[in-house]
Every structure is written in structure tokens, then in C-alpha cells.
PDB file of N, CA and C in Angstrom:
ATOM      1  N   MET A   1     -85.704  -7.810  58.430  1.00  0.00           N
ATOM      2  CA  MET A   1     -85.561  -7.839  56.999  1.00  0.00           C
ATOM      3  C   MET A   1     -85.049  -6.473  56.546  1.00  0.00           C
ATOM      4  N   ILE A   2     -84.167  -6.463  55.583  1.00  0.00           N
ATOM      5  CA  ILE A   2     -83.589  -5.232  55.058  1.00  0.00           C
ATOM      6  C   ILE A   2     -84.458  -4.735  53.902  1.00  0.00           C
ATOM      7  N   TYR A   3     -84.822  -3.449  53.952  1.00  0.00           N
ATOM      8  CA  TYR A   3     -85.603  -2.856  52.870  1.00  0.00           C
ATOM      9  C   TYR A   3     -84.676  -2.537  51.708  1.00  0.00           C
ATOM     10  N   ILE A   4     -85.056  -2.935  50.503  1.00  0.00           N
ATOM     11  CA  ILE A   4     -84.284  -2.657  49.300  1.00  0.00           C
ATOM     12  C   ILE A   4     -85.115  -1.753  48.412  1.00  0.00           C
ATOM     13  N   SER A   5     -84.593  -0.585  48.154  1.00  0.00           N
ATOM     14  CA  SER A   5     -85.286   0.370  47.294  1.00  0.00           C
ATOM     15  C   SER A   5     -85.070  -0.059  45.837  1.00  0.00           C
ATOM     16  N   LYS A   6     -86.140  -0.466  45.190  1.00  0.00           N
ATOM     17  CA  LYS A   6     -86.045  -0.946  43.813  1.00  0.00           C
ATOM     18  C   LYS A   6     -86.099   0.211  42.844  1.00  0.00           C
ATOM     19  N   GLN A   7     -85.311   0.096  41.787  1.00  0.00           N
ATOM     20  CA  GLN A   7     -85.307   1.083  40.720  1.00  0.00           C
ATOM     21  C   GLN A   7     -86.221   0.605  39.604  1.00  0.00           C
ATOM     22  N   LYS A   8     -86.596   1.527  38.751  1.00  0.00           N
ATOM     23  CA  LYS A   8     -87.393   1.179  37.584  1.00  0.00           C
ATOM     24  C   LYS A   8     -86.517   0.380  36.618  1.00  0.00           C
ATOM     25  N   PRO A   9     -87.051  -0.646  35.955  1.00  0.00           N
ATOM     26  CA  PRO A   9     -86.252  -1.404  34.987  1.00  0.00           C
ATOM     27  C   PRO A   9     -85.783  -0.514  33.836  1.00  0.00           C
ATOM     28  N   ASP A  10     -84.636  -0.857  33.276  1.00  0.00           N
ATOM     29  CA  ASP A  10     -84.109  -0.127  32.122  1.00  0.00           C
ATOM     30  C   ASP A  10     -85.055  -0.269  30.933  1.00  0.00           C
ATOM     31  N   LYS A  11     -84.943   0.672  30.014  1.00  0.00           N
ATOM     32  CA  LYS A  11     -85.776   0.650  28.813  1.00  0.00           C
ATOM     33  C   LYS A  11     -85.551  -0.638  28.023  1.00  0.00           C
ATOM     34  N   GLU A  12     -84.316  -1.131  28.009  1.00  0.00           N
ATOM     35  CA  GLU A  12     -83.998  -2.375  27.296  1.00  0.00           C
ATOM     36  C   GLU A  12     -84.843  -3.538  27.828  1.00  0.00           C
ATOM     37  N   ILE A  13     -84.955  -3.632  29.134  1.00  0.00           N
ATOM     38  CA  ILE A  13     -85.728  -4.705  29.756  1.00  0.00           C
ATOM     39  C   ILE A  13     -87.216  -4.515  29.483  1.00  0.00           C
ATOM     40  N   LEU A  14     -87.706  -3.287  29.643  1.00  0.00           N
ATOM     41  CA  LEU A  14     -89.121  -3.018  29.391  1.00  0.00           C
ATOM     42  C   LEU A  14     -89.495  -3.318  27.936  1.00  0.00           C
ATOM     43  N   ASP A  15     -88.607  -2.971  27.014  1.00  0.00           N
ATOM     44  CA  ASP A  15     -88.858  -3.257  25.595  1.00  0.00           C
ATOM     45  C   ASP A  15     -88.903  -4.757  25.334  1.00  0.00           C
ATOM     46  N   LYS A  16     -87.996  -5.497  25.968  1.00  0.00           N
ATOM     47  CA  LYS A  16     -87.959  -6.954  25.782  1.00  0.00           C
ATOM     48  C   LYS A  16     -89.219  -7.600  26.373  1.00  0.00           C
ATOM     49  N   ILE A  17     -89.674  -7.111  27.523  1.00  0.00           N
ATOM     50  CA  ILE A  17     -90.905  -7.648  28.124  1.00  0.00           C
ATOM     51  C   ILE A  17     -92.094  -7.382  27.215  1.00  0.00           C
ATOM     52  N   ALA A  18     -92.166  -6.176  26.653  1.00  0.00           N
ATOM     53  CA  ALA A  18     -93.260  -5.838  25.740  1.00  0.00           C
ATOM     54  C   ALA A  18     -93.212  -6.733  24.501  1.00  0.00           C
ATOM     55  N   GLU A  19     -92.001  -6.986  24.010  1.00  0.00           N
ATOM     56  CA  GLU A  19     -91.835  -7.863  22.844  1.00  0.00           C
ATOM     57  C   GLU A  19     -92.325  -9.283  23.156  1.00  0.00           C
ATOM     58  N   ILE A  20     -91.986  -9.773  24.339  1.00  0.00           N
ATOM     59  CA  ILE A  20     -92.412 -11.112  24.751  1.00  0.00           C
ATOM     60  C   ILE A  20     -93.926 -11.181  24.875  1.00  0.00           C
ATOM     61  N   LYS A  21     -94.521 -10.156  25.496  1.00  0.00           N
ATOM     62  CA  LYS A  21     -95.970 -10.168  25.705  1.00  0.00           C
ATOM     63  C   LYS A  21     -96.745 -10.039  24.394  1.00  0.00           C
ATOM     64  N   ASN A  22     -96.104  -9.531  23.354  1.00  0.00           N
ATOM     65  CA  ASN A  22     -96.761  -9.420  22.051  1.00  0.00           C
ATOM     66  C   ASN A  22     -96.471 -10.620  21.154  1.00  0.00           C
ATOM     67  N   SER A  23     -95.659 -11.552  21.631  1.00  0.00           N
ATOM     68  CA  SER A  23     -95.282 -12.706  20.805  1.00  0.00           C
ATOM     69  C   SER A  23     -96.412 -13.733  20.734  1.00  0.00           C
ATOM     70  N   SER A  24     -96.347 -14.558  19.717  1.00  0.00           N
ATOM     71  CA  SER A  24     -97.365 -15.595  19.546  1.00  0.00           C
ATOM     72  C   SER A  24     -97.269 -16.650  20.644  1.00  0.00           C
ATOM     73  N   GLU A  25     -96.060 -16.923  21.158  1.00  0.00           N
ATOM     74  CA  GLU A  25     -95.903 -17.902  22.237  1.00  0.00           C
ATOM     75  C   GLU A  25     -96.636 -17.439  23.496  1.00  0.00           C
ATOM     76  N   TRP A  26     -96.528 -16.144  23.797  1.00  0.00           N
ATOM     77  CA  TRP A  26     -97.189 -15.598  24.976  1.00  0.00           C
ATOM     78  C   TRP A  26     -98.701 -15.697  24.829  1.00  0.00           C
ATOM     79  N   LYS A  27     -99.186 -15.375  23.650  1.00  0.00           N
ATOM     80  CA  LYS A  27    -100.630 -15.395  23.408  1.00  0.00           C
ATOM     81  C   LYS A  27    -101.188 -16.816  23.443  1.00  0.00           C
ATOM     82  N   ARG A  28    -100.363 -17.799  23.110  1.00  0.00           N
ATOM     83  CA  ARG A  28    -100.809 -19.199  23.153  1.00  0.00           C
ATOM     84  C   ARG A  28    -100.794 -19.760  24.570  1.00  0.00           C
ATOM     85  N   ALA A  29     -99.996 -19.148  25.451  1.00  0.00           N
ATOM     86  CA  ALA A  29     -99.892 -19.651  26.830  1.00  0.00           C
ATOM     87  C   ALA A  29    -101.222 -19.464  27.536  1.00  0.00           C
ATOM     88  N   GLU A  30    -101.687 -20.511  28.129  1.00  0.00           N
ATOM     89  CA  GLU A  30    -102.946 -20.444  28.870  1.00  0.00           C
ATOM     90  C   GLU A  30    -102.725 -19.662  30.161  1.00  0.00           C
ATOM     91  N   ASN A  31    -103.756 -18.981  30.593  1.00  0.00           N
ATOM     92  CA  ASN A  31    -103.664 -18.269  31.876  1.00  0.00           C
ATOM     93  C   ASN A  31    -103.332 -19.264  32.974  1.00  0.00           C
ATOM     94  N   GLY A  32    -102.297 -18.934  33.725  1.00  0.00           N
ATOM     95  CA  GLY A  32    -101.900 -19.798  34.825  1.00  0.00           C
ATOM     96  C   GLY A  32    -100.929 -20.902  34.431  1.00  0.00           C
ATOM     97  N   ASP A  33    -100.609 -21.022  33.153  1.00  0.00           N
ATOM     98  CA  ASP A  33     -99.654 -22.043  32.704  1.00  0.00           C
ATOM     99  C   ASP A  33     -98.248 -21.508  32.965  1.00  0.00           C
ATOM    100  N   THR A  34     -97.772 -21.689  34.185  1.00  0.00           N
ATOM    101  CA  THR A  34     -96.500 -21.102  34.590  1.00  0.00           C
ATOM    102  C   THR A  34     -95.319 -21.642  33.791  1.00  0.00           C
ATOM    103  N   LYS A  35     -95.377 -22.869  33.344  1.00  0.00           N
ATOM    104  CA  LYS A  35     -94.276 -23.437  32.557  1.00  0.00           C
ATOM    105  C   LYS A  35     -94.133 -22.701  31.228  1.00  0.00           C
ATOM    106  N   ALA A  36     -95.237 -22.470  30.545  1.00  0.00           N
ATOM    107  CA  ALA A  36     -95.201 -21.766  29.257  1.00  0.00           C
ATOM    108  C   ALA A  36     -94.768 -20.311  29.448  1.00  0.00           C
ATOM    109  N   ILE A  37     -95.274 -19.684  30.505  1.00  0.00           N
ATOM    110  CA  ILE A  37     -94.908 -18.293  30.771  1.00  0.00           C
ATOM    111  C   ILE A  37     -93.426 -18.193  31.106  1.00  0.00           C
ATOM    112  N   ARG A  38     -92.934 -19.121  31.918  1.00  0.00           N
ATOM    113  CA  ARG A  38     -91.511 -19.124  32.287  1.00  0.00           C
ATOM    114  C   ARG A  38     -90.631 -19.294  31.052  1.00  0.00           C
ATOM    115  N   GLN A  39     -91.037 -20.144  30.121  1.00  0.00           N
ATOM    116  CA  GLN A  39     -90.265 -20.332  28.894  1.00  0.00           C
ATOM    117  C   GLN A  39     -90.184 -19.047  28.089  1.00  0.00           C
ATOM    118  N   CYS A  40     -91.248 -18.271  28.084  1.00  0.00           N
ATOM    119  CA  CYS A  40     -91.236 -16.984  27.376  1.00  0.00           C
ATOM    120  C   CYS A  40     -90.232 -16.034  28.023  1.00  0.00           C
ATOM    121  N   PHE A  41     -90.232 -15.959  29.343  1.00  0.00           N
ATOM    122  CA  PHE A  41     -89.359 -15.024  30.034  1.00  0.00           C
ATOM    123  C   PHE A  41     -87.922 -15.522  30.163  1.00  0.00           C
ATOM    124  N   ASP A  42     -87.654 -16.759  29.773  1.00  0.00           N
ATOM    125  CA  ASP A  42     -86.269 -17.234  29.752  1.00  0.00           C
ATOM    126  C   ASP A  42     -85.450 -16.483  28.706  1.00  0.00           C
ATOM    127  N   ASN A  43     -86.123 -15.748  27.818  1.00  0.00           N
ATOM    128  CA  ASN A  43     -85.427 -15.009  26.762  1.00  0.00           C
ATOM    129  C   ASN A  43     -84.957 -13.628  27.208  1.00  0.00           C
ATOM    130  N   LEU A  44     -85.237 -13.250  28.447  1.00  0.00           N
ATOM    131  CA  LEU A  44     -84.785 -11.949  28.935  1.00  0.00           C
ATOM    132  C   LEU A  44     -83.266 -11.938  29.108  1.00  0.00           C
ATOM    133  N   PRO A  45     -82.630 -10.766  28.944  1.00  0.00           N
ATOM    134  CA  PRO A  45     -81.170 -10.659  29.117  1.00  0.00           C
ATOM    135  C   PRO A  45     -80.796 -10.730  30.605  1.00  0.00           C
ATOM    136  N   LYS A  46     -80.585 -11.934  31.092  1.00  0.00           N
ATOM    137  CA  LYS A  46     -80.383 -12.152  32.522  1.00  0.00           C
ATOM    138  C   LYS A  46     -79.109 -11.510  33.070  1.00  0.00           C
ATOM    139  N   ALA A  47     -78.059 -11.450  32.271  1.00  0.00           N
ATOM    140  CA  ALA A  47     -76.818 -10.829  32.744  1.00  0.00           C
ATOM    141  C   ALA A  47     -77.065  -9.358  33.070  1.00  0.00           C
ATOM    142  N   HIS A  48     -77.830  -8.697  32.243  1.00  0.00           N
ATOM    143  CA  HIS A  48     -78.153  -7.287  32.470  1.00  0.00           C
ATOM    144  C   HIS A  48     -79.010  -7.131  33.734  1.00  0.00           C
ATOM    145  N   ILE A  49     -79.963  -8.020  33.917  1.00  0.00           N
ATOM    146  CA  ILE A  49     -80.841  -7.974  35.087  1.00  0.00           C
ATOM    147  C   ILE A  49     -80.041  -8.237  36.360  1.00  0.00           C
ATOM    148  N   ARG A  50     -79.139  -9.215  36.322  1.00  0.00           N
ATOM    149  CA  ARG A  50     -78.323  -9.534  37.503  1.00  0.00           C
ATOM    150  C   ARG A  50     -77.449  -8.348  37.902  1.00  0.00           C
ATOM    151  N   LYS A  51     -76.873  -7.681  36.910  1.00  0.00           N
ATOM    152  CA  LYS A  51     -76.030  -6.520  37.176  1.00  0.00           C
ATOM    153  C   LYS A  51     -76.848  -5.436  37.873  1.00  0.00           C
ATOM    154  N   ARG A  52     -78.054  -5.220  37.397  1.00  0.00           N
ATOM    155  CA  ARG A  52     -78.930  -4.211  37.985  1.00  0.00           C
ATOM    156  C   ARG A  52     -79.311  -4.571  39.424  1.00  0.00           C
ATOM    157  N   ILE A  53     -79.604  -5.832  39.660  1.00  0.00           N
ATOM    158  CA  ILE A  53     -79.978  -6.282  41.003  1.00  0.00           C
ATOM    159  C   ILE A  53     -78.810  -6.076  41.979  1.00  0.00           C
ATOM    160  N   LEU A  54     -77.600  -6.370  41.537  1.00  0.00           N
ATOM    161  CA  LEU A  54     -76.429  -6.177  42.404  1.00  0.00           C
ATOM    162  C   LEU A  54     -76.240  -4.704  42.752  1.00  0.00           C
ATOM    163  N   GLN A  55     -76.546  -3.813  41.814  1.00  0.00           N
ATOM    164  CA  GLN A  55     -76.430  -2.379  42.084  1.00  0.00           C
ATOM    165  C   GLN A  55     -77.424  -1.943  43.149  1.00  0.00           C
ATOM    166  N   GLU A  56     -78.609  -2.536  43.124  1.00  0.00           N
ATOM    167  CA  GLU A  56     -79.639  -2.179  44.105  1.00  0.00           C
ATOM    168  C   GLU A  56     -79.228  -2.656  45.480  1.00  0.00           C
TER     169      GLU A  56
END
């Protein structure tokens, strides 16, 4: 297996995650309800994340 050195997420991503975790949808999601949690994180800027992953 190839080791991949991961970088810290950009501030934009960290801010968006914090925004999601403070949202009412996140707070309504039951612990372990992966479908509800996944729907919350579908709002992340995936193009930006993909670009970062390719750089790594």
C-alpha cells in the first residue's frame, strides 16, 4: 500500500463543516443515522475537495 501524506483541509472546507454541524438539520439527525448525516455533507464543495485530493 502506498502511504499518502494528507494535508490539513483548507479554511473554506473547515468553515463549511462547522456551518453544517451548527445547522438545524445536523442537530435533528439521530446519532448513527448515516443517511441524514450524508445528506448534510452532500452540501460540501466537492470540486474543491477533489482538486485537493488529486494534489495529495
